[in-house]
Every structure is written in structure tokens, then in C-alpha cells.
């Protein structure tokens, strides 16, 4: 229990690392950015060479630039707690209090969700399980980035970078935390306060839920590219299938899942704020705005997005 308390506090510190981003953004709004995005440098170089047209960034240059952006976002996610202000510490205190209350209902919540499991279609539970698997999740995130790289679409590239950096930040944290904390899963039948510090046994890798982190990170990062609240809500719902499926299967406690989802939100927000603040990507948001239309026809019914 002593070891868990230390690791639990550490995880909560990281969980709210993005809260420092809002204050930091306010402080730095008064400062002029000295960094010039690589894309802008290429635009300026065209004007400097007697008006002669110069080639755009090659895909290799884009790949190197985006790699640096992803690494910068990853570093930002892990260093934010060291820049907290008084308001951030107050928020942290509130979260600790809420988490203590949530731990109190872990076992009743587990009974409730496992009792509902038999009535849930197998395809939903299986989809939730697979969507949170690293292989499938990273296949999707790298696929999004590859599309942006192939088409040289800056907005899709940024979305891919956000997905990769966020999934990596959350994935590393949950992998390390699971082993160090060693919290027993509900299926171990030892209660929600049973721990085996630094355990290699899968039965003691409950905290936090890796499926919840990966699935909701993906859904939340993609949702940030849309303004339509219905599309956002739909993506949130898809992202929550995996966390809830872990409760149905009794693989995690409610606190494992809820903190996993919350961790996804603050990681994505923090890295997205970093990319925006540093102006790593400066596309015209109106130019790339997606318009959604309902397509009806003979034997056809669907939604079409136009870039």
C-alpha cells in the first residue's frame, strides 16, 4: 500500500501535467515566438531568390520535421509538472480528493458491470478489446500520418503527429506504472487495495488501464480536428467502448479506467497546445475545414466528408 500511494501520487502529478499548459500559454502570449516553422522558412526562401519558384518540402524533410515535432510533444508532456503554478496545485488537490472517493466504489462498480456483461453483444466487447490493443492502435495512428505524408496534407500530418506522440506518452507511462504499482485485477479476487509492487504477473497489472489510454487517446485526438459537436460526441462514444468493455470483462477497476481516460485527455491537450503554441503547423484552418454532407441515392445512404 505504501508503494502504491507513492506511485499513485506520481501518476496523478503526471495526469494533470497539462493544467500547467493553460497558465504557461497566458504567460507566453506576451512574448514573441523566435522560432520560425520550417514550412515558413521555405516560403521565405522562395522570395529571396529573385522570385524564382523553389521546390516545396520533400517528404523526407517532412518526415524529419514531424519526427522532431513528435519528440518535442513527448518531452513537453513529461516536463509540464515542473512548471506548475498555484492554481495547478489546487486542481491537483481536488483530484486527489475525488480519486479517494472513486476508490470507495470500485468494488460495487465491478459487480455492476460484470453482471451486465452477458447482455452485451459479443461483437461490441470484442471490438472494444481489439481497439485498445497496441498493434491495432498504432496501425491506425501511423496510417493517419502516412496518409498525410503521402498527400502532403499538413493538417492530416499534424493529426498523425498528435496521435503518435500522445499514444507514445501514455503508452510508456501505463506500461511502467502497471509493473511498478502491481495492483491486483478484479479477476484476482483479492480486492481493489491489493498490490504486489514491481510484479511481472499479468494478474497484478491493473493500474492504469492501457486499453482505456490508447483507445480514448486516439478518439480524442481525432475529435479535436472537428468543430461539429455531434461528430465529437460520436468519436468520444467510440473511444469509450474499449474502457467500458474492460469493466464488463472484470479486467480493471473503475479507477483504472476513469484515470486512464482522464490521462488521455490531458496528454492530448498538452501536446496539442505545444504544437499550436510553437506554431509547428500553420495551415489555414478555414482552407482545410471539412464539410460533411448526407448522401442519399439509389441503394446509397452515408455521410461524405469533403476537404
C-alpha atoms as a PDB file:
ATOM      1  CA  UNK A   1       0.000   0.000   0.000  1.00  0.00           C
ATOM      2  CA  UNK A   2       2.873   2.347   0.764  1.00  0.00           C
ATOM      3  CA  UNK A   3       4.439   1.797  -2.639  1.00  0.00           C
ATOM      4  CA  UNK A   4       1.099   2.249  -4.370  1.00  0.00           C
ATOM      5  CA  UNK A   5       0.492   5.551  -2.625  1.00  0.00           C
ATOM      6  CA  UNK A   6       3.801   6.914  -3.883  1.00  0.00           C
ATOM      7  CA  UNK A   7       3.185   5.721  -7.453  1.00  0.00           C
ATOM      8  CA  UNK A   8      -0.429   6.852  -7.337  1.00  0.00           C
ATOM      9  CA  UNK A   9       0.600  10.382  -6.410  1.00  0.00           C
ATOM     10  CA  UNK A  10       3.234  10.355  -9.161  1.00  0.00           C
ATOM     11  CA  UNK A  11       0.655   9.285 -11.725  1.00  0.00           C
ATOM     12  CA  UNK A  12      -1.743  11.972 -10.615  1.00  0.00           C
ATOM     13  CA  UNK A  13       1.047  14.525 -10.908  1.00  0.00           C
ATOM     14  CA  UNK A  14       1.574  13.459 -14.480  1.00  0.00           C
ATOM     15  CA  UNK A  15      -2.149  13.215 -15.074  1.00  0.00           C
ATOM     16  CA  UNK A  16      -2.558  16.913 -14.585  1.00  0.00           C
ATOM     17  CA  UNK A  17       0.603  17.976 -16.326  1.00  0.00           C
ATOM     18  CA  UNK A  18      -1.490  19.709 -18.956  1.00  0.00           C
ATOM     19  CA  UNK A  19      -3.056  22.010 -16.386  1.00  0.00           C
ATOM     20  CA  UNK A  20       0.176  23.969 -16.408  1.00  0.00           C
ATOM     21  CA  UNK A  21      -0.234  24.489 -20.134  1.00  0.00           C
ATOM     22  CA  UNK A  22      -3.080  26.979 -19.754  1.00  0.00           C
ATOM     23  CA  UNK A  23      -1.121  29.193 -17.389  1.00  0.00           C
ATOM     24  CA  UNK A  24       2.039  28.853 -19.446  1.00  0.00           C
ATOM     25  CA  UNK A  25       0.159  29.873 -22.586  1.00  0.00           C
ATOM     26  CA  UNK A  26      -1.077  33.021 -20.827  1.00  0.00           C
ATOM     27  CA  UNK A  27       2.438  33.920 -19.706  1.00  0.00           C
ATOM     28  CA  UNK A  28       3.923  33.381 -23.123  1.00  0.00           C
ATOM     29  CA  UNK A  29       1.277  35.205 -25.112  1.00  0.00           C
ATOM     30  CA  UNK A  30       3.181  38.363 -24.260  1.00  0.00           C
ATOM     31  CA  UNK A  31       6.368  37.011 -25.757  1.00  0.00           C
ATOM     32  CA  UNK A  32       7.146  36.928 -29.453  1.00  0.00           C
ATOM     33  CA  UNK A  33       7.976  33.499 -30.806  1.00  0.00           C
ATOM     34  CA  UNK A  34      11.533  33.397 -32.092  1.00  0.00           C
ATOM     35  CA  UNK A  35      11.194  30.061 -33.835  1.00  0.00           C
ATOM     36  CA  UNK A  36      10.223  30.104 -37.492  1.00  0.00           C
ATOM     37  CA  UNK A  37       8.407  26.982 -38.716  1.00  0.00           C
ATOM     38  CA  UNK A  38      10.304  25.034 -41.346  1.00  0.00           C
ATOM     39  CA  UNK A  39       7.480  25.446 -43.832  1.00  0.00           C
ATOM     40  CA  UNK A  40       7.625  29.244 -43.391  1.00  0.00           C
ATOM     41  CA  UNK A  41      11.380  29.250 -43.946  1.00  0.00           C
ATOM     42  CA  UNK A  42      10.859  27.579 -47.283  1.00  0.00           C
ATOM     43  CA  UNK A  43       8.254  30.171 -48.238  1.00  0.00           C
ATOM     44  CA  UNK A  44      10.668  32.978 -47.362  1.00  0.00           C
ATOM     45  CA  UNK A  45      13.481  31.363 -49.314  1.00  0.00           C
ATOM     46  CA  UNK A  46      11.368  31.495 -52.439  1.00  0.00           C
ATOM     47  CA  UNK A  47      11.049  35.253 -52.187  1.00  0.00           C
ATOM     48  CA  UNK A  48      14.740  35.724 -51.516  1.00  0.00           C
ATOM     49  CA  UNK A  49      15.946  34.078 -54.731  1.00  0.00           C
ATOM     50  CA  UNK A  50      14.823  36.717 -57.255  1.00  0.00           C
ATOM     51  CA  UNK A  51      11.275  35.481 -57.248  1.00  0.00           C
ATOM     52  CA  UNK A  52      12.246  32.150 -58.783  1.00  0.00           C
ATOM     53  CA  UNK A  53       9.962  29.295 -57.687  1.00  0.00           C
ATOM     54  CA  UNK A  54      11.622  26.861 -55.315  1.00  0.00           C
ATOM     55  CA  UNK A  55      10.602  23.267 -54.613  1.00  0.00           C
ATOM     56  CA  UNK A  56       8.344  22.545 -51.634  1.00  0.00           C
ATOM     57  CA  UNK A  57       9.474  20.390 -48.732  1.00  0.00           C
ATOM     58  CA  UNK A  58      10.234  16.870 -49.782  1.00  0.00           C
ATOM     59  CA  UNK A  59       8.560  14.000 -47.976  1.00  0.00           C
ATOM     60  CA  UNK A  60      11.878  13.157 -46.334  1.00  0.00           C
ATOM     61  CA  UNK A  61      12.119  16.722 -44.979  1.00  0.00           C
ATOM     62  CA  UNK A  62       8.520  16.483 -43.770  1.00  0.00           C
ATOM     63  CA  UNK A  63       9.291  13.188 -42.048  1.00  0.00           C
ATOM     64  CA  UNK A  64      12.252  14.695 -40.185  1.00  0.00           C
ATOM     65  CA  UNK A  65      10.277  17.797 -39.246  1.00  0.00           C
ATOM     66  CA  UNK A  66       7.309  15.776 -37.995  1.00  0.00           C
ATOM     67  CA  UNK A  67       9.612  13.473 -36.046  1.00  0.00           C
ATOM     68  CA  UNK A  68      11.057  16.484 -34.247  1.00  0.00           C
ATOM     69  CA  UNK A  69       7.515  17.716 -33.548  1.00  0.00           C
ATOM     70  CA  UNK A  70       6.518  14.365 -32.036  1.00  0.00           C
ATOM     71  CA  UNK A  71       9.620  14.241 -29.833  1.00  0.00           C
ATOM     72  CA  UNK A  72       9.020  17.825 -28.698  1.00  0.00           C
ATOM     73  CA  UNK A  73       5.437  16.972 -27.770  1.00  0.00           C
ATOM     74  CA  UNK A  74       6.565  13.888 -25.861  1.00  0.00           C
ATOM     75  CA  UNK A  75       9.116  15.930 -23.901  1.00  0.00           C
ATOM     76  CA  UNK A  76       6.518  18.599 -23.185  1.00  0.00           C
ATOM     77  CA  UNK A  77       4.103  16.016 -21.749  1.00  0.00           C
ATOM     78  CA  UNK A  78       6.662  14.783 -19.224  1.00  0.00           C
ATOM     79  CA  UNK A  79       8.116  18.129 -18.152  1.00  0.00           C
ATOM     80  CA  UNK A  80       4.949  20.152 -17.513  1.00  0.00           C
ATOM     81  CA  UNK A  81       4.582  19.190 -13.795  1.00  0.00           C
ATOM     82  CA  UNK A  82       7.805  21.074 -13.075  1.00  0.00           C
ATOM     83  CA  UNK A  83       6.175  24.303 -14.296  1.00  0.00           C
ATOM     84  CA  UNK A  84       3.016  24.201 -12.194  1.00  0.00           C
ATOM     85  CA  UNK A  85       1.513  27.350 -10.684  1.00  0.00           C
ATOM     86  CA  UNK A  86      -0.585  27.718  -7.511  1.00  0.00           C
ATOM     87  CA  UNK A  87      -3.772  27.139  -9.460  1.00  0.00           C
ATOM     88  CA  UNK A  88      -2.414  23.869 -10.818  1.00  0.00           C
ATOM     89  CA  UNK A  89      -1.590  22.608  -7.321  1.00  0.00           C
ATOM     90  CA  UNK A  90      -5.104  23.498  -6.201  1.00  0.00           C
ATOM     91  CA  UNK A  91      -6.507  21.446  -9.066  1.00  0.00           C
ATOM     92  CA  UNK A  92      -4.221  18.585  -8.126  1.00  0.00           C
ATOM     93  CA  UNK A  93      -5.556  18.632  -4.569  1.00  0.00           C
ATOM     94  CA  UNK A  94      -9.115  18.497  -5.839  1.00  0.00           C
ATOM     95  CA  UNK A  95      -8.326  15.489  -7.994  1.00  0.00           C
ATOM     96  CA  UNK A  96      -6.744  13.578  -5.126  1.00  0.00           C
ATOM     97  CA  UNK A  97      -9.909  14.083  -3.079  1.00  0.00           C
ATOM     98  CA  UNK A  98     -12.097  12.929  -5.961  1.00  0.00           C
ATOM     99  CA  UNK A  99      -9.927   9.895  -6.583  1.00  0.00           C
ATOM    100  CA  UNK A 100     -10.205   8.787  -2.954  1.00  0.00           C
ATOM    101  CA  UNK A 101     -13.981   8.892  -3.259  1.00  0.00           C
ATOM    102  CA  UNK A 102     -13.826   6.931  -6.508  1.00  0.00           C
ATOM    103  CA  UNK A 103     -11.732   4.167  -4.935  1.00  0.00           C
ATOM    104  CA  UNK A 104     -14.545   3.664  -2.422  1.00  0.00           C
ATOM    105  CA  UNK A 105     -16.934   2.489  -5.155  1.00  0.00           C
ATOM    106  CA  UNK A 106     -14.505   0.300  -7.093  1.00  0.00           C
ATOM    107  CA  UNK A 107     -15.907  -2.995  -5.874  1.00  0.00           C
ATOM    108  CA  UNK A 108     -19.641  -2.150  -6.221  1.00  0.00           C
ATOM    109  CA  UNK A 109     -18.939  -0.821  -9.714  1.00  0.00           C
ATOM    110  CA  UNK A 110     -17.130  -4.026 -10.628  1.00  0.00           C
ATOM    111  CA  UNK A 111     -20.115  -6.096  -9.506  1.00  0.00           C
ATOM    112  CA  UNK A 112     -22.474  -3.935 -11.548  1.00  0.00           C
ATOM    113  CA  UNK A 113     -20.529  -4.043 -14.824  1.00  0.00           C
ATOM    114  CA  UNK A 114     -19.671  -7.740 -14.694  1.00  0.00           C
ATOM    115  CA  UNK A 115     -23.348  -8.531 -14.075  1.00  0.00           C
ATOM    116  CA  UNK A 116     -24.245  -6.593 -17.245  1.00  0.00           C
ATOM    117  CA  UNK A 117     -21.685  -8.429 -19.370  1.00  0.00           C
ATOM    118  CA  UNK A 118     -23.901 -11.313 -20.509  1.00  0.00           C
ATOM    119  CA  UNK A 119     -26.376  -8.935 -22.129  1.00  0.00           C
ATOM    120  CA  UNK A 120     -23.741  -7.130 -24.199  1.00  0.00           C
ATOM    121  CA  UNK A 121     -23.280  -8.340 -27.805  1.00  0.00           C
ATOM    122  CA  UNK A 122     -20.015 -10.190 -28.277  1.00  0.00           C
ATOM    123  CA  UNK A 123     -19.033  -8.033 -31.267  1.00  0.00           C
ATOM    124  CA  UNK A 124     -19.099  -4.887 -29.120  1.00  0.00           C
ATOM    125  CA  UNK A 125     -16.929  -6.394 -26.403  1.00  0.00           C
ATOM    126  CA  UNK A 126     -14.519  -7.856 -28.957  1.00  0.00           C
ATOM    127  CA  UNK A 127     -14.290  -4.550 -30.857  1.00  0.00           C
ATOM    128  CA  UNK A 128     -13.538  -2.695 -27.638  1.00  0.00           C
ATOM    129  CA  UNK A 129     -10.827  -5.174 -26.714  1.00  0.00           C
ATOM    130  CA  UNK A 130      -9.142  -5.018 -30.112  1.00  0.00           C
ATOM    131  CA  UNK A 131      -9.331  -1.233 -30.488  1.00  0.00           C
ATOM    132  CA  UNK A 132      -7.279  -0.820 -27.325  1.00  0.00           C
ATOM    133  CA  UNK A 133      -4.545  -3.262 -28.425  1.00  0.00           C
ATOM    134  CA  UNK A 134      -1.211  -1.547 -29.216  1.00  0.00           C
ATOM    135  CA  UNK A 135      -0.756  -3.301 -32.585  1.00  0.00           C
ATOM    136  CA  UNK A 136      -4.111  -2.214 -33.959  1.00  0.00           C
ATOM    137  CA  UNK A 137      -3.985   1.221 -32.355  1.00  0.00           C
ATOM    138  CA  UNK A 138      -0.539   2.089 -33.662  1.00  0.00           C
ATOM    139  CA  UNK A 139      -1.519   0.697 -37.048  1.00  0.00           C
ATOM    140  CA  UNK A 140      -4.320   3.249 -37.157  1.00  0.00           C
ATOM    141  CA  UNK A 141      -2.245   6.185 -35.899  1.00  0.00           C
ATOM    142  CA  UNK A 142       0.647   5.536 -38.271  1.00  0.00           C
ATOM    143  CA  UNK A 143      -1.858   5.034 -41.082  1.00  0.00           C
ATOM    144  CA  UNK A 144      -3.260   8.518 -40.470  1.00  0.00           C
ATOM    145  CA  UNK A 145       0.204  10.031 -40.521  1.00  0.00           C
ATOM    146  CA  UNK A 146       1.206   8.063 -43.627  1.00  0.00           C
ATOM    147  CA  UNK A 147      -1.836   9.449 -45.438  1.00  0.00           C
ATOM    148  CA  UNK A 148      -0.824  12.995 -44.544  1.00  0.00           C
ATOM    149  CA  UNK A 149       2.751  12.363 -45.646  1.00  0.00           C
ATOM    150  CA  UNK A 150       1.761  10.807 -48.967  1.00  0.00           C
ATOM    151  CA  UNK A 151      -0.737  13.556 -49.787  1.00  0.00           C
ATOM    152  CA  UNK A 152       1.471  16.282 -48.239  1.00  0.00           C
ATOM    153  CA  UNK A 153      -1.576  17.489 -46.320  1.00  0.00           C
ATOM    154  CA  UNK A 154      -0.329  19.465 -43.325  1.00  0.00           C
ATOM    155  CA  UNK A 155      -3.475  19.088 -41.251  1.00  0.00           C
ATOM    156  CA  UNK A 156      -3.517  15.305 -41.580  1.00  0.00           C
ATOM    157  CA  UNK A 157       0.213  15.219 -40.829  1.00  0.00           C
ATOM    158  CA  UNK A 158      -0.350  17.212 -37.650  1.00  0.00           C
ATOM    159  CA  UNK A 159      -3.170  14.870 -36.620  1.00  0.00           C
ATOM    160  CA  UNK A 160      -0.853  11.902 -37.159  1.00  0.00           C
ATOM    161  CA  UNK A 161       1.900  13.537 -35.112  1.00  0.00           C
ATOM    162  CA  UNK A 162      -0.559  14.291 -32.308  1.00  0.00           C
ATOM    163  CA  UNK A 163      -1.782  10.685 -32.345  1.00  0.00           C
ATOM    164  CA  UNK A 164       1.682   9.146 -32.322  1.00  0.00           C
ATOM    165  CA  UNK A 165       3.142  11.471 -29.671  1.00  0.00           C
ATOM    166  CA  UNK A 166       0.110  11.139 -27.377  1.00  0.00           C
ATOM    167  CA  UNK A 167      -0.131   7.355 -27.683  1.00  0.00           C
ATOM    168  CA  UNK A 168       3.604   7.056 -27.005  1.00  0.00           C
ATOM    169  CA  UNK A 169       3.490   9.326 -23.943  1.00  0.00           C
ATOM    170  CA  UNK A 170       0.519   7.495 -22.463  1.00  0.00           C
ATOM    171  CA  UNK A 171       1.769   4.068 -23.511  1.00  0.00           C
ATOM    172  CA  UNK A 172       5.147   4.453 -21.820  1.00  0.00           C
ATOM    173  CA  UNK A 173       3.562   5.725 -18.616  1.00  0.00           C
ATOM    174  CA  UNK A 174       0.970   2.975 -18.343  1.00  0.00           C
ATOM    175  CA  UNK A 175       3.495   0.236 -19.141  1.00  0.00           C
ATOM    176  CA  UNK A 176       5.881   1.364 -16.410  1.00  0.00           C
ATOM    177  CA  UNK A 177       3.117   2.111 -13.893  1.00  0.00           C
ATOM    178  CA  UNK A 178       1.432  -1.263 -14.284  1.00  0.00           C
ATOM    179  CA  UNK A 179       4.592  -3.103 -13.321  1.00  0.00           C
ATOM    180  CA  UNK A 180       5.677  -0.767 -10.520  1.00  0.00           C
ATOM    181  CA  UNK A 181       2.259  -0.401  -8.879  1.00  0.00           C
ATOM    182  CA  UNK A 182       1.355  -4.091  -9.192  1.00  0.00           C
ATOM    183  CA  UNK A 183      -2.342  -3.590  -8.492  1.00  0.00           C
ATOM    184  CA  UNK A 184      -4.419  -6.778  -8.493  1.00  0.00           C
ATOM    185  CA  UNK A 185      -7.089  -7.053 -11.168  1.00  0.00           C
ATOM    186  CA  UNK A 186     -10.667  -7.789 -10.096  1.00  0.00           C
ATOM    187  CA  UNK A 187     -10.242 -11.301 -11.517  1.00  0.00           C
ATOM    188  CA  UNK A 188      -7.542 -11.977  -8.892  1.00  0.00           C
ATOM    189  CA  UNK A 189     -10.327 -11.767  -6.277  1.00  0.00           C
ATOM    190  CA  UNK A 190      -8.089 -10.038  -3.736  1.00  0.00           C
ATOM    191  CA  UNK A 191      -9.931  -6.706  -3.564  1.00  0.00           C
ATOM    192  CA  UNK A 192      -9.166  -3.282  -5.027  1.00  0.00           C
ATOM    193  CA  UNK A 193      -6.450  -2.483  -2.471  1.00  0.00           C
ATOM    194  CA  UNK A 194      -4.241  -5.495  -3.084  1.00  0.00           C
ATOM    195  CA  UNK A 195      -0.794  -4.755  -4.573  1.00  0.00           C
ATOM    196  CA  UNK A 196       2.400  -6.584  -5.468  1.00  0.00           C
ATOM    197  CA  UNK A 197       4.992  -3.923  -6.118  1.00  0.00           C
ATOM    198  CA  UNK A 198       7.113  -4.453  -9.244  1.00  0.00           C
ATOM    199  CA  UNK A 199       5.250  -7.606 -10.206  1.00  0.00           C
ATOM    200  CA  UNK A 200       5.673  -9.257 -13.609  1.00  0.00           C
ATOM    201  CA  UNK A 201       2.389 -11.176 -13.286  1.00  0.00           C
ATOM    202  CA  UNK A 202      -0.423 -10.048 -15.597  1.00  0.00           C
ATOM    203  CA  UNK A 203      -2.929 -10.509 -12.764  1.00  0.00           C
ATOM    204  CA  UNK A 204      -1.227  -7.583 -10.998  1.00  0.00           C
ATOM    205  CA  UNK A 205      -1.112  -5.145 -13.909  1.00  0.00           C
ATOM    206  CA  UNK A 206      -4.443  -3.446 -13.357  1.00  0.00           C
ATOM    207  CA  UNK A 207      -3.459   0.202 -12.793  1.00  0.00           C
ATOM    208  CA  UNK A 208      -3.968   2.063 -15.061  1.00  0.00           C
ATOM    209  CA  UNK A 209      -5.954   0.589 -17.968  1.00  0.00           C
ATOM    210  CA  UNK A 210      -3.775   0.532 -21.077  1.00  0.00           C
ATOM    211  CA  UNK A 211      -6.742  -0.218 -23.340  1.00  0.00           C
ATOM    212  CA  UNK A 212      -8.513   2.870 -21.999  1.00  0.00           C
ATOM    213  CA  UNK A 213      -5.497   5.107 -22.569  1.00  0.00           C
ATOM    214  CA  UNK A 214      -4.804   4.003 -26.133  1.00  0.00           C
ATOM    215  CA  UNK A 215      -8.399   3.888 -27.350  1.00  0.00           C
ATOM    216  CA  UNK A 216      -9.550   7.189 -25.882  1.00  0.00           C
ATOM    217  CA  UNK A 217      -6.304   8.950 -26.826  1.00  0.00           C
ATOM    218  CA  UNK A 218      -6.984   8.042 -30.453  1.00  0.00           C
ATOM    219  CA  UNK A 219     -10.627   9.077 -30.383  1.00  0.00           C
ATOM    220  CA  UNK A 220      -9.976  12.318 -28.510  1.00  0.00           C
ATOM    221  CA  UNK A 221      -7.071  13.374 -30.729  1.00  0.00           C
ATOM    222  CA  UNK A 222      -9.121  12.824 -33.886  1.00  0.00           C
ATOM    223  CA  UNK A 223     -12.124  14.629 -32.377  1.00  0.00           C
ATOM    224  CA  UNK A 224     -10.037  17.776 -31.945  1.00  0.00           C
ATOM    225  CA  UNK A 225      -9.965  18.136 -35.730  1.00  0.00           C
ATOM    226  CA  UNK A 226     -13.733  18.716 -35.865  1.00  0.00           C
ATOM    227  CA  UNK A 227     -15.981  21.540 -34.673  1.00  0.00           C
ATOM    228  CA  UNK A 228     -19.273  19.671 -35.027  1.00  0.00           C
ATOM    229  CA  UNK A 229     -20.387  18.588 -31.515  1.00  0.00           C
ATOM    230  CA  UNK A 230     -22.239  15.545 -32.894  1.00  0.00           C
ATOM    231  CA  UNK A 231     -19.117  14.245 -34.612  1.00  0.00           C
ATOM    232  CA  UNK A 232     -17.105  14.884 -31.458  1.00  0.00           C
ATOM    233  CA  UNK A 233     -19.695  13.067 -29.369  1.00  0.00           C
ATOM    234  CA  UNK A 234     -19.688  10.119 -31.747  1.00  0.00           C
ATOM    235  CA  UNK A 235     -15.902   9.838 -31.558  1.00  0.00           C
ATOM    236  CA  UNK A 236     -15.996  10.048 -27.766  1.00  0.00           C
ATOM    237  CA  UNK A 237     -18.530   7.210 -27.735  1.00  0.00           C
ATOM    238  CA  UNK A 238     -16.284   5.062 -29.936  1.00  0.00           C
ATOM    239  CA  UNK A 239     -13.311   5.825 -27.688  1.00  0.00           C
ATOM    240  CA  UNK A 240     -15.260   4.751 -24.593  1.00  0.00           C
ATOM    241  CA  UNK A 241     -16.211   1.320 -25.938  1.00  0.00           C
ATOM    242  CA  UNK A 242     -12.826  -0.119 -25.033  1.00  0.00           C
ATOM    243  CA  UNK A 243     -12.721   1.273 -21.453  1.00  0.00           C
ATOM    244  CA  UNK A 244     -16.230   0.039 -20.720  1.00  0.00           C
ATOM    245  CA  UNK A 245     -15.511  -3.355 -22.273  1.00  0.00           C
ATOM    246  CA  UNK A 246     -12.665  -3.753 -19.756  1.00  0.00           C
ATOM    247  CA  UNK A 247     -15.176  -3.204 -16.955  1.00  0.00           C
ATOM    248  CA  UNK A 248     -17.585  -5.729 -18.450  1.00  0.00           C
ATOM    249  CA  UNK A 249     -14.827  -8.328 -18.569  1.00  0.00           C
ATOM    250  CA  UNK A 250     -13.725  -7.584 -14.993  1.00  0.00           C
ATOM    251  CA  UNK A 251     -10.174  -6.870 -16.184  1.00  0.00           C
ATOM    252  CA  UNK A 252      -9.936  -3.473 -14.454  1.00  0.00           C
ATOM    253  CA  UNK A 253     -11.351  -1.481 -11.573  1.00  0.00           C
ATOM    254  CA  UNK A 254     -13.361   1.676 -12.230  1.00  0.00           C
ATOM    255  CA  UNK A 255     -10.469   3.868 -11.037  1.00  0.00           C
ATOM    256  CA  UNK A 256      -8.112   2.180 -13.538  1.00  0.00           C
ATOM    257  CA  UNK A 257     -10.429   3.068 -16.399  1.00  0.00           C
ATOM    258  CA  UNK A 258     -11.505   6.557 -15.342  1.00  0.00           C
ATOM    259  CA  UNK A 259      -7.963   7.737 -14.663  1.00  0.00           C
ATOM    260  CA  UNK A 260      -6.851   6.147 -17.929  1.00  0.00           C
ATOM    261  CA  UNK A 261      -9.426   8.189 -19.852  1.00  0.00           C
ATOM    262  CA  UNK A 262      -8.575  11.352 -17.924  1.00  0.00           C
ATOM    263  CA  UNK A 263      -4.889  10.779 -18.580  1.00  0.00           C
ATOM    264  CA  UNK A 264      -5.627  10.511 -22.300  1.00  0.00           C
ATOM    265  CA  UNK A 265      -7.418  13.861 -22.289  1.00  0.00           C
ATOM    266  CA  UNK A 266      -4.677  15.817 -20.547  1.00  0.00           C
ATOM    267  CA  UNK A 267      -1.893  14.239 -22.600  1.00  0.00           C
ATOM    268  CA  UNK A 268      -3.600  15.023 -25.895  1.00  0.00           C
ATOM    269  CA  UNK A 269      -4.497  18.562 -24.784  1.00  0.00           C
ATOM    270  CA  UNK A 270      -0.968  19.203 -23.540  1.00  0.00           C
ATOM    271  CA  UNK A 271       0.732  18.030 -26.733  1.00  0.00           C
ATOM    272  CA  UNK A 272      -1.817  19.804 -28.928  1.00  0.00           C
ATOM    273  CA  UNK A 273      -1.201  23.041 -27.005  1.00  0.00           C
ATOM    274  CA  UNK A 274       2.533  22.570 -27.521  1.00  0.00           C
ATOM    275  CA  UNK A 275       2.152  22.116 -31.284  1.00  0.00           C
ATOM    276  CA  UNK A 276      -0.120  25.162 -31.528  1.00  0.00           C
ATOM    277  CA  UNK A 277       1.984  27.369 -29.257  1.00  0.00           C
ATOM    278  CA  UNK A 278       5.177  26.612 -31.148  1.00  0.00           C
ATOM    279  CA  UNK A 279       3.325  27.031 -34.461  1.00  0.00           C
ATOM    280  CA  UNK A 280       4.763  23.773 -35.699  1.00  0.00           C
ATOM    281  CA  UNK A 281       1.890  23.622 -38.164  1.00  0.00           C
ATOM    282  CA  UNK A 282       0.436  26.817 -39.584  1.00  0.00           C
ATOM    283  CA  UNK A 283      -2.151  25.640 -42.074  1.00  0.00           C
ATOM    284  CA  UNK A 284      -5.211  27.767 -42.753  1.00  0.00           C
ATOM    285  CA  UNK A 285      -7.904  26.114 -40.667  1.00  0.00           C
ATOM    286  CA  UNK A 286     -10.660  27.531 -42.906  1.00  0.00           C
ATOM    287  CA  UNK A 287      -8.961  26.237 -46.013  1.00  0.00           C
ATOM    288  CA  UNK A 288      -8.803  22.718 -44.635  1.00  0.00           C
ATOM    289  CA  UNK A 289     -12.168  22.715 -42.909  1.00  0.00           C
ATOM    290  CA  UNK A 290     -14.106  19.528 -43.564  1.00  0.00           C
ATOM    291  CA  UNK A 291     -17.663  19.856 -44.834  1.00  0.00           C
ATOM    292  CA  UNK A 292     -19.984  16.975 -44.057  1.00  0.00           C
ATOM    293  CA  UNK A 293     -22.911  16.140 -46.322  1.00  0.00           C
ATOM    294  CA  UNK A 294     -25.577  13.470 -46.152  1.00  0.00           C
ATOM    295  CA  UNK A 295     -25.532  11.454 -49.389  1.00  0.00           C
ATOM    296  CA  UNK A 296     -28.765   9.786 -50.453  1.00  0.00           C
ATOM    297  CA  UNK A 297     -29.335   7.806 -53.620  1.00  0.00           C
ATOM    298  CA  UNK A 298     -30.449   4.535 -55.110  1.00  0.00           C
ATOM    299  CA  UNK A 299     -29.172   1.956 -52.664  1.00  0.00           C
ATOM    300  CA  UNK A 300     -26.917   4.559 -51.020  1.00  0.00           C
ATOM    301  CA  UNK A 301     -27.015   6.193 -47.619  1.00  0.00           C
ATOM    302  CA  UNK A 302     -23.988   7.713 -45.979  1.00  0.00           C
ATOM    303  CA  UNK A 303     -22.039  10.723 -44.811  1.00  0.00           C
ATOM    304  CA  UNK A 304     -19.388  12.251 -47.070  1.00  0.00           C
ATOM    305  CA  UNK A 305     -16.605  14.497 -45.790  1.00  0.00           C
ATOM    306  CA  UNK A 306     -15.121  17.000 -48.244  1.00  0.00           C
ATOM    307  CA  UNK A 307     -11.730  18.593 -47.575  1.00  0.00           C
END
